[in-house]
Amino acid sequence: MKALLTLRLLLVLALMLVALNGVGLVLGYAGLKQSVGVAPREALAADPPAIPAATPPAEPAPDAAAADALRNRRQALDAREQSLATREALLAVAEQRIDARLNELAALQGRLEQAETAARQREDSHWRSQAKLYEAMRPREAAAVFNELDLPVLVEVVQRMTERKAAPILGAMLPARVRQLTVELARLRAGHVPAGPNPGSLTPG
């Protein structure tokens, strides 16, 4: 009997040990599952780490901005000054050319005036020589020529003759020619332009 009881106790203890070992395995598996499987799900469920935003470029300091503005202003002023200097140089060159042209025109005008004066002198010398020629002729011969001369030519010659030499010639001329000559000389002395040649009026009536 005692041996049977002892055997039963041993069986009960064995079962208890087996039961305790099973509980330990179950608890260990649960702990391992919690540490390996749950933790990753919690980690995945958590918010991802925040990515730091890009840092905007730093604005220039007030002193640096002012320096840049002053430098740009200075460059603009230098460029404008250079442009003004170029314009002034071009104007100076243009003024020199204009002055040279004016000097050339003044010299040309002087030469023209000299040429005109010389031409008048030559013309006056020519008419004076003609007047002397007729003064040396006999009055009737000179009068015959004067009656046939164009009025403008006759005026130029008579104007350069002395009154003492011209009077006998005028006295020997045709009266109509003398009247025409007198009217033309009066116009000249009054400052009027002498009339052009009129062949019809030169013919004695």
N, C-alpha and C. Protein backbone atom coordinates (compact mmCIF):
# COMPACT_ATOMS: atom_id res chain seq x y z
N MET A 1 0.82 -1.19 0.00
CA MET A 1 0.00 0.00 0.00
C MET A 1 0.85 1.24 0.00
N LYS A 2 1.78 1.34 0.85
CA LYS A 2 2.67 2.50 0.95
C LYS A 2 3.42 2.69 -0.35
N ALA A 3 3.82 1.58 -0.95
CA ALA A 3 4.56 1.69 -2.20
C ALA A 3 3.69 2.26 -3.27
N LEU A 4 2.37 1.85 -3.27
CA LEU A 4 1.44 2.39 -4.27
C LEU A 4 1.22 3.87 -4.07
N LEU A 5 1.07 4.29 -2.82
CA LEU A 5 0.89 5.72 -2.52
C LEU A 5 2.11 6.51 -2.95
N THR A 6 3.25 5.94 -2.68
CA THR A 6 4.49 6.64 -3.05
C THR A 6 4.58 6.80 -4.55
N LEU A 7 4.16 5.77 -5.29
CA LEU A 7 4.20 5.82 -6.75
C LEU A 7 3.24 6.88 -7.27
N ARG A 8 2.06 6.96 -6.68
CA ARG A 8 1.10 7.97 -7.07
C ARG A 8 1.65 9.37 -6.82
N LEU A 9 2.28 9.60 -5.67
CA LEU A 9 2.84 10.91 -5.36
C LEU A 9 3.90 11.29 -6.39
N LEU A 10 4.69 10.30 -6.73
CA LEU A 10 5.74 10.55 -7.71
C LEU A 10 5.13 10.94 -9.05
N LEU A 11 4.03 10.25 -9.45
CA LEU A 11 3.34 10.57 -10.70
C LEU A 11 2.78 11.99 -10.65
N VAL A 12 2.17 12.29 -9.50
CA VAL A 12 1.60 13.65 -9.35
C VAL A 12 2.67 14.69 -9.44
N LEU A 13 3.79 14.45 -8.79
CA LEU A 13 4.90 15.45 -8.85
C LEU A 13 5.43 15.59 -10.28
N ALA A 14 5.49 14.40 -10.96
CA ALA A 14 5.99 14.44 -12.33
C ALA A 14 5.07 15.28 -13.21
N LEU A 15 3.73 15.04 -13.02
CA LEU A 15 2.76 15.84 -13.80
C LEU A 15 2.87 17.33 -13.48
N MET A 16 3.07 17.62 -12.22
CA MET A 16 3.20 19.02 -11.82
C MET A 16 4.43 19.65 -12.44
N LEU A 17 5.51 18.90 -12.46
CA LEU A 17 6.73 19.43 -13.06
C LEU A 17 6.54 19.68 -14.55
N VAL A 18 5.84 18.68 -15.19
CA VAL A 18 5.59 18.85 -16.64
C VAL A 18 4.71 20.06 -16.89
N ALA A 19 3.69 20.21 -16.00
CA ALA A 19 2.80 21.36 -16.15
C ALA A 19 3.55 22.67 -15.94
N LEU A 20 4.40 22.70 -14.95
CA LEU A 20 5.18 23.92 -14.69
C LEU A 20 6.10 24.23 -15.87
N ASN A 21 6.76 23.21 -16.41
CA ASN A 21 7.64 23.44 -17.57
C ASN A 21 6.85 23.98 -18.77
N GLY A 22 5.60 23.49 -18.99
CA GLY A 22 4.76 23.98 -20.11
C GLY A 22 4.39 25.43 -19.92
N VAL A 23 4.04 25.78 -18.70
CA VAL A 23 3.71 27.20 -18.43
C VAL A 23 4.89 28.08 -18.68
N GLY A 24 6.08 27.61 -18.28
CA GLY A 24 7.30 28.42 -18.49
C GLY A 24 7.57 28.62 -19.95
N LEU A 25 7.36 27.54 -20.75
CA LEU A 25 7.59 27.69 -22.20
C LEU A 25 6.62 28.67 -22.81
N VAL A 26 5.33 28.55 -22.36
CA VAL A 26 4.32 29.48 -22.90
C VAL A 26 4.67 30.91 -22.54
N LEU A 27 5.04 31.14 -21.30
CA LEU A 27 5.38 32.51 -20.89
C LEU A 27 6.60 33.03 -21.63
N GLY A 28 7.59 32.16 -21.83
CA GLY A 28 8.81 32.59 -22.55
C GLY A 28 8.51 32.92 -24.00
N TYR A 29 7.64 32.11 -24.62
CA TYR A 29 7.28 32.39 -26.02
C TYR A 29 6.54 33.71 -26.15
N ALA A 30 5.63 33.94 -25.19
CA ALA A 30 4.88 35.19 -25.22
C ALA A 30 5.80 36.38 -25.06
N GLY A 31 6.78 36.25 -24.13
CA GLY A 31 7.72 37.37 -23.92
C GLY A 31 8.56 37.61 -25.14
N LEU A 32 9.01 36.47 -25.77
CA LEU A 32 9.84 36.64 -26.98
C LEU A 32 9.05 37.27 -28.12
N LYS A 33 7.77 36.84 -28.26
CA LYS A 33 6.92 37.41 -29.30
C LYS A 33 6.69 38.90 -29.08
N GLN A 34 6.52 39.26 -27.81
CA GLN A 34 6.30 40.68 -27.52
C GLN A 34 7.52 41.50 -27.82
N SER A 35 8.71 40.94 -27.50
CA SER A 35 9.94 41.71 -27.70
C SER A 35 10.35 41.78 -29.16
N VAL A 36 10.00 40.72 -29.96
CA VAL A 36 10.44 40.69 -31.36
C VAL A 36 9.37 41.21 -32.30
N GLY A 37 8.12 40.82 -32.12
CA GLY A 37 7.05 41.14 -33.09
C GLY A 37 6.33 42.41 -32.78
N VAL A 38 6.04 42.72 -31.60
CA VAL A 38 5.23 43.89 -31.24
C VAL A 38 6.03 45.15 -31.37
N ALA A 39 7.27 45.03 -30.93
CA ALA A 39 8.09 46.24 -30.95
C ALA A 39 8.24 46.80 -32.36
N PRO A 40 8.50 45.94 -33.42
CA PRO A 40 8.59 46.51 -34.78
C PRO A 40 7.29 47.14 -35.22
N ARG A 41 6.10 46.54 -34.84
CA ARG A 41 4.85 47.17 -35.26
C ARG A 41 4.67 48.51 -34.61
N GLU A 42 5.06 48.61 -33.37
CA GLU A 42 4.98 49.93 -32.70
C GLU A 42 5.93 50.91 -33.35
N ALA A 43 7.12 50.38 -33.73
CA ALA A 43 8.10 51.28 -34.37
C ALA A 43 7.59 51.75 -35.73
N LEU A 44 6.92 50.79 -36.50
CA LEU A 44 6.38 51.18 -37.80
C LEU A 44 5.21 52.13 -37.65
N ALA A 45 4.39 51.89 -36.59
CA ALA A 45 3.23 52.77 -36.39
C ALA A 45 3.65 54.17 -35.97
N ALA A 46 4.82 54.31 -35.40
CA ALA A 46 5.27 55.63 -34.93
C ALA A 46 5.57 56.53 -36.13
N ASP A 47 5.50 57.85 -35.93
CA ASP A 47 5.81 58.84 -36.98
C ASP A 47 7.27 58.73 -37.40
N PRO A 48 7.51 58.83 -38.74
CA PRO A 48 8.92 58.79 -39.19
C PRO A 48 9.66 60.02 -38.69
N PRO A 49 10.95 59.90 -38.59
CA PRO A 49 11.72 61.07 -38.09
C PRO A 49 11.61 62.23 -39.07
N ALA A 50 11.47 63.41 -38.51
CA ALA A 50 11.31 64.63 -39.32
C ALA A 50 12.61 64.96 -40.06
N ILE A 51 12.45 65.32 -41.40
CA ILE A 51 13.62 65.72 -42.21
C ILE A 51 13.83 67.22 -42.02
N PRO A 52 15.01 67.60 -41.68
CA PRO A 52 15.23 69.05 -41.46
C PRO A 52 15.03 69.84 -42.75
N ALA A 53 14.30 70.98 -42.66
CA ALA A 53 14.03 71.83 -43.83
C ALA A 53 15.30 72.49 -44.31
N ALA A 54 15.31 72.80 -45.66
CA ALA A 54 16.48 73.47 -46.24
C ALA A 54 16.60 74.88 -45.68
N THR A 55 17.76 75.20 -45.30
CA THR A 55 18.00 76.52 -44.71
C THR A 55 18.05 77.58 -45.81
N PRO A 56 17.19 78.64 -45.82
CA PRO A 56 17.22 79.67 -46.87
C PRO A 56 18.54 80.43 -46.82
N PRO A 57 18.94 80.94 -48.00
CA PRO A 57 20.21 81.70 -48.02
C PRO A 57 20.12 82.92 -47.12
N ALA A 58 21.16 83.12 -46.47
CA ALA A 58 21.19 84.24 -45.53
C ALA A 58 21.17 85.56 -46.29
N GLU A 59 20.31 86.49 -45.88
CA GLU A 59 20.25 87.81 -46.50
C GLU A 59 21.52 88.60 -46.17
N PRO A 60 21.96 89.40 -47.14
CA PRO A 60 23.18 90.19 -46.88
C PRO A 60 22.95 91.17 -45.76
N ALA A 61 23.97 91.38 -45.12
CA ALA A 61 23.89 92.33 -44.00
C ALA A 61 23.60 93.72 -44.54
N PRO A 62 22.97 94.59 -43.76
CA PRO A 62 22.66 95.95 -44.22
C PRO A 62 23.90 96.69 -44.73
N ASP A 63 25.01 96.55 -44.09
CA ASP A 63 26.23 97.24 -44.53
C ASP A 63 26.67 96.75 -45.90
N ALA A 64 26.61 95.44 -46.13
CA ALA A 64 27.02 94.90 -47.42
C ALA A 64 26.08 95.38 -48.52
N ALA A 65 24.76 95.42 -48.27
CA ALA A 65 23.80 95.90 -49.27
C ALA A 65 24.04 97.36 -49.60
N ALA A 66 24.31 98.16 -48.59
CA ALA A 66 24.59 99.58 -48.83
C ALA A 66 25.87 99.76 -49.65
N ALA A 67 26.86 98.93 -49.37
CA ALA A 67 28.12 99.01 -50.12
C ALA A 67 27.90 98.65 -51.58
N ASP A 68 27.06 97.60 -51.82
CA ASP A 68 26.77 97.22 -53.20
C ASP A 68 26.02 98.33 -53.93
N ALA A 69 25.06 98.94 -53.24
CA ALA A 69 24.30 100.02 -53.86
C ALA A 69 25.21 101.20 -54.20
N LEU A 70 26.10 101.55 -53.29
CA LEU A 70 27.04 102.65 -53.55
C LEU A 70 27.97 102.32 -54.70
N ARG A 71 28.43 101.05 -54.77
CA ARG A 71 29.31 100.66 -55.86
C ARG A 71 28.59 100.72 -57.21
N ASN A 72 27.33 100.24 -57.23
CA ASN A 72 26.56 100.32 -58.48
C ASN A 72 26.30 101.77 -58.88
N ARG A 73 26.01 102.60 -57.91
CA ARG A 73 25.78 104.02 -58.20
C ARG A 73 27.04 104.66 -58.74
N ARG A 74 28.16 104.31 -58.16
CA ARG A 74 29.42 104.88 -58.63
C ARG A 74 29.72 104.44 -60.05
N GLN A 75 29.47 103.17 -60.35
CA GLN A 75 29.70 102.68 -61.70
C GLN A 75 28.80 103.39 -62.71
N ALA A 76 27.53 103.63 -62.33
CA ALA A 76 26.62 104.35 -63.23
C ALA A 76 27.10 105.78 -63.47
N LEU A 77 27.55 106.44 -62.40
CA LEU A 77 28.07 107.80 -62.54
C LEU A 77 29.32 107.84 -63.41
N ASP A 78 30.20 106.84 -63.24
CA ASP A 78 31.41 106.79 -64.08
C ASP A 78 31.05 106.61 -65.54
N ALA A 79 30.07 105.73 -65.81
CA ALA A 79 29.66 105.51 -67.20
C ALA A 79 29.04 106.77 -67.80
N ARG A 80 28.24 107.47 -67.00
CA ARG A 80 27.63 108.71 -67.50
C ARG A 80 28.69 109.78 -67.74
N GLU A 81 29.64 109.85 -66.84
CA GLU A 81 30.73 110.83 -67.01
C GLU A 81 31.54 110.52 -68.27
N GLN A 82 31.79 109.24 -68.51
CA GLN A 82 32.52 108.85 -69.71
C GLN A 82 31.73 109.21 -70.97
N SER A 83 30.40 108.99 -70.92
CA SER A 83 29.57 109.34 -72.07
C SER A 83 29.58 110.84 -72.32
N LEU A 84 29.51 111.63 -71.24
CA LEU A 84 29.56 113.09 -71.40
C LEU A 84 30.91 113.53 -71.95
N ALA A 85 31.97 112.91 -71.50
CA ALA A 85 33.30 113.27 -72.00
C ALA A 85 33.40 112.95 -73.49
N THR A 86 32.83 111.81 -73.90
CA THR A 86 32.86 111.46 -75.33
C THR A 86 32.07 112.47 -76.15
N ARG A 87 30.91 112.87 -75.64
CA ARG A 87 30.10 113.85 -76.37
C ARG A 87 30.83 115.19 -76.46
N GLU A 88 31.46 115.60 -75.37
CA GLU A 88 32.20 116.85 -75.40
C GLU A 88 33.34 116.79 -76.41
N ALA A 89 34.01 115.65 -76.49
CA ALA A 89 35.09 115.51 -77.47
C ALA A 89 34.55 115.60 -78.89
N LEU A 90 33.41 114.95 -79.14
CA LEU A 90 32.81 115.01 -80.47
C LEU A 90 32.37 116.43 -80.80
N LEU A 91 31.79 117.14 -79.82
CA LEU A 91 31.39 118.53 -80.05
C LEU A 91 32.60 119.41 -80.34
N ALA A 92 33.69 119.16 -79.62
CA ALA A 92 34.90 119.95 -79.86
C ALA A 92 35.42 119.73 -81.27
N VAL A 93 35.40 118.48 -81.71
CA VAL A 93 35.85 118.18 -83.08
C VAL A 93 34.93 118.86 -84.10
N ALA A 94 33.60 118.80 -83.84
CA ALA A 94 32.65 119.44 -84.75
C ALA A 94 32.86 120.95 -84.79
N GLU A 95 33.11 121.55 -83.63
CA GLU A 95 33.35 122.99 -83.59
C GLU A 95 34.62 123.35 -84.35
N GLN A 96 35.65 122.54 -84.20
CA GLN A 96 36.87 122.81 -84.95
C GLN A 96 36.63 122.74 -86.46
N ARG A 97 35.85 121.74 -86.89
CA ARG A 97 35.55 121.63 -88.31
C ARG A 97 34.73 122.82 -88.79
N ILE A 98 33.76 123.24 -87.97
CA ILE A 98 32.95 124.40 -88.35
C ILE A 98 33.80 125.65 -88.43
N ASP A 99 34.68 125.84 -87.44
CA ASP A 99 35.57 127.00 -87.47
C ASP A 99 36.46 126.98 -88.71
N ALA A 100 36.98 125.80 -89.02
CA ALA A 100 37.83 125.70 -90.21
C ALA A 100 37.03 126.01 -91.47
N ARG A 101 35.78 125.52 -91.52
CA ARG A 101 34.94 125.79 -92.69
C ARG A 101 34.62 127.27 -92.79
N LEU A 102 34.32 127.91 -91.64
CA LEU A 102 34.05 129.34 -91.64
C LEU A 102 35.27 130.14 -92.09
N ASN A 103 36.43 129.71 -91.64
CA ASN A 103 37.65 130.39 -92.08
C ASN A 103 37.85 130.25 -93.59
N GLU A 104 37.56 129.04 -94.10
CA GLU A 104 37.67 128.84 -95.54
C GLU A 104 36.69 129.73 -96.30
N LEU A 105 35.45 129.80 -95.79
CA LEU A 105 34.45 130.65 -96.45
C LEU A 105 34.84 132.12 -96.38
N ALA A 106 35.38 132.53 -95.22
CA ALA A 106 35.81 133.92 -95.10
C ALA A 106 36.95 134.22 -96.07
N ALA A 107 37.90 133.28 -96.17
CA ALA A 107 39.00 133.48 -97.12
C ALA A 107 38.48 133.52 -98.55
N LEU A 108 37.50 132.64 -98.86
CA LEU A 108 36.93 132.64 -100.20
C LEU A 108 36.20 133.94 -100.49
N GLN A 109 35.45 134.42 -99.49
CA GLN A 109 34.76 135.69 -99.67
C GLN A 109 35.76 136.83 -99.90
N GLY A 110 36.86 136.79 -99.14
CA GLY A 110 37.88 137.81 -99.34
C GLY A 110 38.46 137.75 -100.75
N ARG A 111 38.71 136.54 -101.22
CA ARG A 111 39.25 136.40 -102.58
C ARG A 111 38.25 136.89 -103.63
N LEU A 112 36.96 136.56 -103.39
CA LEU A 112 35.93 137.03 -104.33
C LEU A 112 35.83 138.55 -104.34
N GLU A 113 35.90 139.14 -103.15
CA GLU A 113 35.85 140.60 -103.09
C GLU A 113 37.05 141.22 -103.79
N GLN A 114 38.21 140.61 -103.57
CA GLN A 114 39.40 141.12 -104.25
C GLN A 114 39.27 140.97 -105.76
N ALA A 115 38.73 139.81 -106.18
CA ALA A 115 38.55 139.60 -107.62
C ALA A 115 37.54 140.59 -108.19
N GLU A 116 36.48 140.83 -107.43
CA GLU A 116 35.47 141.79 -107.90
C GLU A 116 36.05 143.19 -107.97
N THR A 117 36.83 143.56 -106.95
CA THR A 117 37.46 144.88 -106.97
C THR A 117 38.43 145.01 -108.15
N ALA A 118 39.20 143.94 -108.37
CA ALA A 118 40.14 143.97 -109.49
C ALA A 118 39.40 144.06 -110.82
N ALA A 119 38.25 143.34 -110.92
CA ALA A 119 37.47 143.40 -112.16
C ALA A 119 36.92 144.80 -112.38
N ARG A 120 36.42 145.42 -111.30
CA ARG A 120 35.92 146.79 -111.44
C ARG A 120 37.04 147.74 -111.83
N GLN A 121 38.19 147.53 -111.25
CA GLN A 121 39.32 148.40 -111.60
C GLN A 121 39.72 148.21 -113.06
N ARG A 122 39.73 146.95 -113.50
CA ARG A 122 40.07 146.71 -114.91
C ARG A 122 39.02 147.33 -115.83
N GLU A 123 37.76 147.19 -115.45
CA GLU A 123 36.70 147.76 -116.28
C GLU A 123 36.79 149.29 -116.30
N ASP A 124 37.05 149.85 -115.14
CA ASP A 124 37.18 151.32 -115.09
C ASP A 124 38.38 151.78 -115.91
N SER A 125 39.47 151.02 -115.81
CA SER A 125 40.65 151.38 -116.61
C SER A 125 40.34 151.29 -118.10
N HIS A 126 39.55 150.28 -118.47
CA HIS A 126 39.18 150.13 -119.88
C HIS A 126 38.35 151.33 -120.36
N TRP A 127 37.36 151.71 -119.58
CA TRP A 127 36.51 152.84 -120.00
C TRP A 127 37.29 154.15 -119.98
N ARG A 128 38.20 154.28 -119.06
CA ARG A 128 39.00 155.51 -119.03
C ARG A 128 39.89 155.60 -120.28
N SER A 129 40.43 154.47 -120.67
CA SER A 129 41.24 154.48 -121.89
C SER A 129 40.38 154.83 -123.11
N GLN A 130 39.14 154.33 -123.14
CA GLN A 130 38.23 154.68 -124.23
C GLN A 130 37.89 156.17 -124.21
N ALA A 131 37.68 156.69 -123.00
CA ALA A 131 37.36 158.12 -122.90
C ALA A 131 38.53 158.97 -123.38
N LYS A 132 39.73 158.60 -123.01
CA LYS A 132 40.90 159.36 -123.48
C LYS A 132 41.03 159.28 -124.99
N LEU A 133 40.68 158.12 -125.53
CA LEU A 133 40.76 157.95 -126.98
C LEU A 133 39.82 158.93 -127.70
N TYR A 134 38.58 159.03 -127.19
CA TYR A 134 37.62 159.93 -127.83
C TYR A 134 37.96 161.40 -127.53
N GLU A 135 38.55 161.66 -126.39
CA GLU A 135 38.95 163.03 -126.10
C GLU A 135 40.04 163.51 -127.08
N ALA A 136 40.86 162.58 -127.53
CA ALA A 136 41.93 162.95 -128.46
C ALA A 136 41.43 163.13 -129.89
N MET A 137 40.19 162.68 -130.19
CA MET A 137 39.65 162.80 -131.53
C MET A 137 39.08 164.21 -131.75
N ARG A 138 38.85 164.54 -132.99
CA ARG A 138 38.18 165.78 -133.30
C ARG A 138 36.73 165.68 -132.84
N PRO A 139 36.12 166.77 -132.36
CA PRO A 139 34.76 166.69 -131.84
C PRO A 139 33.75 166.12 -132.82
N ARG A 140 33.78 166.54 -134.12
CA ARG A 140 32.81 166.02 -135.07
C ARG A 140 33.00 164.51 -135.30
N GLU A 141 34.22 164.05 -135.36
CA GLU A 141 34.47 162.61 -135.54
C GLU A 141 33.98 161.82 -134.34
N ALA A 142 34.29 162.31 -133.14
CA ALA A 142 33.82 161.64 -131.93
C ALA A 142 32.31 161.68 -131.85
N ALA A 143 31.68 162.80 -132.26
CA ALA A 143 30.22 162.92 -132.22
C ALA A 143 29.58 161.91 -133.16
N ALA A 144 30.18 161.72 -134.34
CA ALA A 144 29.62 160.75 -135.29
C ALA A 144 29.64 159.34 -134.69
N VAL A 145 30.69 159.02 -133.98
CA VAL A 145 30.76 157.69 -133.33
C VAL A 145 29.74 157.60 -132.19
N PHE A 146 29.64 158.67 -131.39
CA PHE A 146 28.73 158.67 -130.25
C PHE A 146 27.28 158.52 -130.70
N ASN A 147 26.95 159.03 -131.86
CA ASN A 147 25.58 158.90 -132.36
C ASN A 147 25.22 157.44 -132.65
N GLU A 148 26.21 156.57 -132.86
CA GLU A 148 25.97 155.18 -133.21
C GLU A 148 26.21 154.21 -132.04
N LEU A 149 26.80 154.69 -130.98
CA LEU A 149 27.10 153.81 -129.84
C LEU A 149 25.83 153.44 -129.08
N ASP A 150 25.84 152.23 -128.48
CA ASP A 150 24.75 151.87 -127.57
C ASP A 150 24.76 152.82 -126.38
N LEU A 151 23.59 153.10 -125.87
CA LEU A 151 23.46 154.08 -124.80
C LEU A 151 24.27 153.70 -123.56
N PRO A 152 24.24 152.44 -123.08
CA PRO A 152 25.05 152.10 -121.90
C PRO A 152 26.55 152.33 -122.13
N VAL A 153 27.04 152.01 -123.33
CA VAL A 153 28.45 152.22 -123.64
C VAL A 153 28.76 153.71 -123.67
N LEU A 154 27.87 154.49 -124.31
CA LEU A 154 28.07 155.93 -124.38
C LEU A 154 28.11 156.56 -123.00
N VAL A 155 27.24 156.08 -122.10
CA VAL A 155 27.22 156.60 -120.73
C VAL A 155 28.55 156.32 -120.04
N GLU A 156 29.05 155.09 -120.15
CA GLU A 156 30.31 154.74 -119.49
C GLU A 156 31.45 155.62 -120.00
N VAL A 157 31.48 155.91 -121.28
CA VAL A 157 32.58 156.71 -121.84
C VAL A 157 32.46 158.17 -121.41
N VAL A 158 31.25 158.74 -121.56
CA VAL A 158 31.06 160.16 -121.25
C VAL A 158 31.30 160.45 -119.78
N GLN A 159 30.93 159.50 -118.88
CA GLN A 159 31.13 159.71 -117.45
C GLN A 159 32.61 159.91 -117.11
N ARG A 160 33.49 159.35 -117.90
CA ARG A 160 34.92 159.41 -117.60
C ARG A 160 35.66 160.49 -118.42
N MET A 161 34.91 161.27 -119.16
CA MET A 161 35.52 162.38 -119.91
C MET A 161 35.42 163.67 -119.10
N THR A 162 36.38 164.55 -119.28
CA THR A 162 36.30 165.86 -118.65
C THR A 162 35.25 166.70 -119.37
N GLU A 163 34.64 167.64 -118.63
CA GLU A 163 33.59 168.48 -119.22
C GLU A 163 34.16 169.32 -120.36
N ARG A 164 35.37 169.72 -120.23
CA ARG A 164 35.97 170.55 -121.28
C ARG A 164 36.11 169.78 -122.58
N LYS A 165 36.44 168.52 -122.51
CA LYS A 165 36.57 167.68 -123.71
C LYS A 165 35.22 167.18 -124.21
N ALA A 166 34.26 166.94 -123.30
CA ALA A 166 32.98 166.38 -123.70
C ALA A 166 32.05 167.41 -124.31
N ALA A 167 32.15 168.69 -123.90
CA ALA A 167 31.22 169.72 -124.39
C ALA A 167 31.25 169.87 -125.90
N PRO A 168 32.41 170.02 -126.58
CA PRO A 168 32.39 170.15 -128.04
C PRO A 168 31.82 168.94 -128.74
N ILE A 169 32.05 167.75 -128.18
CA ILE A 169 31.53 166.53 -128.82
C ILE A 169 30.01 166.49 -128.70
N LEU A 170 29.48 166.82 -127.50
CA LEU A 170 28.03 166.83 -127.31
C LEU A 170 27.37 167.87 -128.20
N GLY A 171 28.07 169.00 -128.41
CA GLY A 171 27.50 170.04 -129.29
C GLY A 171 27.41 169.58 -130.73
N ALA A 172 28.25 168.66 -131.14
CA ALA A 172 28.24 168.18 -132.52
C ALA A 172 27.36 166.96 -132.70
N MET A 173 26.80 166.38 -131.61
CA MET A 173 25.95 165.19 -131.70
C MET A 173 24.53 165.57 -132.11
N LEU A 174 23.77 164.57 -132.49
CA LEU A 174 22.37 164.77 -132.79
C LEU A 174 21.60 165.15 -131.53
N PRO A 175 20.65 166.08 -131.60
CA PRO A 175 19.92 166.50 -130.39
C PRO A 175 19.19 165.35 -129.69
N ALA A 176 18.61 164.43 -130.44
CA ALA A 176 17.90 163.30 -129.81
C ALA A 176 18.85 162.43 -129.00
N ARG A 177 20.02 162.21 -129.51
CA ARG A 177 21.01 161.41 -128.77
C ARG A 177 21.47 162.13 -127.52
N VAL A 178 21.61 163.46 -127.63
CA VAL A 178 22.03 164.23 -126.46
C VAL A 178 20.95 164.17 -125.38
N ARG A 179 19.65 164.22 -125.79
CA ARG A 179 18.57 164.13 -124.81
C ARG A 179 18.58 162.75 -124.12
N GLN A 180 18.76 161.69 -124.90
CA GLN A 180 18.83 160.36 -124.29
C GLN A 180 19.99 160.24 -123.32
N LEU A 181 21.13 160.77 -123.72
CA LEU A 181 22.30 160.71 -122.85
C LEU A 181 22.07 161.51 -121.58
N THR A 182 21.44 162.67 -121.70
CA THR A 182 21.20 163.52 -120.53
C THR A 182 20.26 162.85 -119.54
N VAL A 183 19.20 162.20 -120.05
CA VAL A 183 18.26 161.49 -119.17
C VAL A 183 18.95 160.34 -118.45
N GLU A 184 19.77 159.60 -119.18
CA GLU A 184 20.46 158.46 -118.56
C GLU A 184 21.45 158.92 -117.50
N LEU A 185 22.18 159.96 -117.75
CA LEU A 185 23.12 160.49 -116.76
C LEU A 185 22.38 160.99 -115.52
N ALA A 186 21.22 161.57 -115.71
CA ALA A 186 20.42 162.04 -114.57
C ALA A 186 19.95 160.87 -113.71
N ARG A 187 19.60 159.78 -114.38
CA ARG A 187 19.20 158.59 -113.62
C ARG A 187 20.36 158.06 -112.79
N LEU A 188 21.53 158.03 -113.38
CA LEU A 188 22.70 157.53 -112.63
C LEU A 188 22.99 158.41 -111.43
N ARG A 189 22.92 159.73 -111.62
CA ARG A 189 23.21 160.63 -110.51
C ARG A 189 22.14 160.55 -109.43
N ALA A 190 20.93 160.15 -109.79
CA ALA A 190 19.85 160.00 -108.81
C ALA A 190 19.89 158.62 -108.12
N GLY A 191 20.80 157.76 -108.58
CA GLY A 191 20.93 156.44 -107.96
C GLY A 191 20.10 155.38 -108.59
N HIS A 192 19.47 155.64 -109.74
CA HIS A 192 18.68 154.63 -110.43
C HIS A 192 19.58 153.77 -111.30
N VAL A 193 19.11 152.54 -111.54
CA VAL A 193 19.86 151.63 -112.41
C VAL A 193 19.70 152.09 -113.83
N PRO A 194 20.77 152.20 -114.57
CA PRO A 194 20.63 152.65 -115.95
C PRO A 194 19.84 151.67 -116.78
N ALA A 195 19.10 152.21 -117.74
CA ALA A 195 18.30 151.35 -118.61
C ALA A 195 19.20 150.58 -119.55
N GLY A 196 18.72 149.39 -119.98
CA GLY A 196 19.49 148.57 -120.90
C GLY A 196 19.50 149.16 -122.29
N PRO A 197 20.28 148.53 -123.13
CA PRO A 197 20.36 149.05 -124.49
C PRO A 197 19.03 148.90 -125.22
N ASN A 198 18.67 149.92 -125.93
CA ASN A 198 17.42 149.93 -126.69
C ASN A 198 17.76 150.36 -128.11
N PRO A 199 17.96 149.42 -129.03
CA PRO A 199 18.42 149.78 -130.37
C PRO A 199 17.48 150.75 -131.05
N GLY A 200 16.19 150.68 -130.83
CA GLY A 200 15.25 151.57 -131.50
C GLY A 200 15.47 153.01 -131.09
N SER A 201 15.82 153.22 -129.79
CA SER A 201 15.99 154.59 -129.31
C SER A 201 17.32 155.17 -129.73
N LEU A 202 18.27 154.31 -130.22
CA LEU A 202 19.58 154.82 -130.61
C LEU A 202 19.57 155.34 -132.04
N THR A 203 18.54 155.04 -132.75
CA THR A 203 18.48 155.48 -134.14
C THR A 203 18.03 156.94 -134.19
N PRO A 204 18.78 157.79 -134.81
CA PRO A 204 18.37 159.19 -134.88
C PRO A 204 17.01 159.32 -135.54
N GLY A 205 16.15 160.19 -135.01
CA GLY A 205 14.83 160.39 -135.57
C GLY A 205 14.82 161.52 -136.58
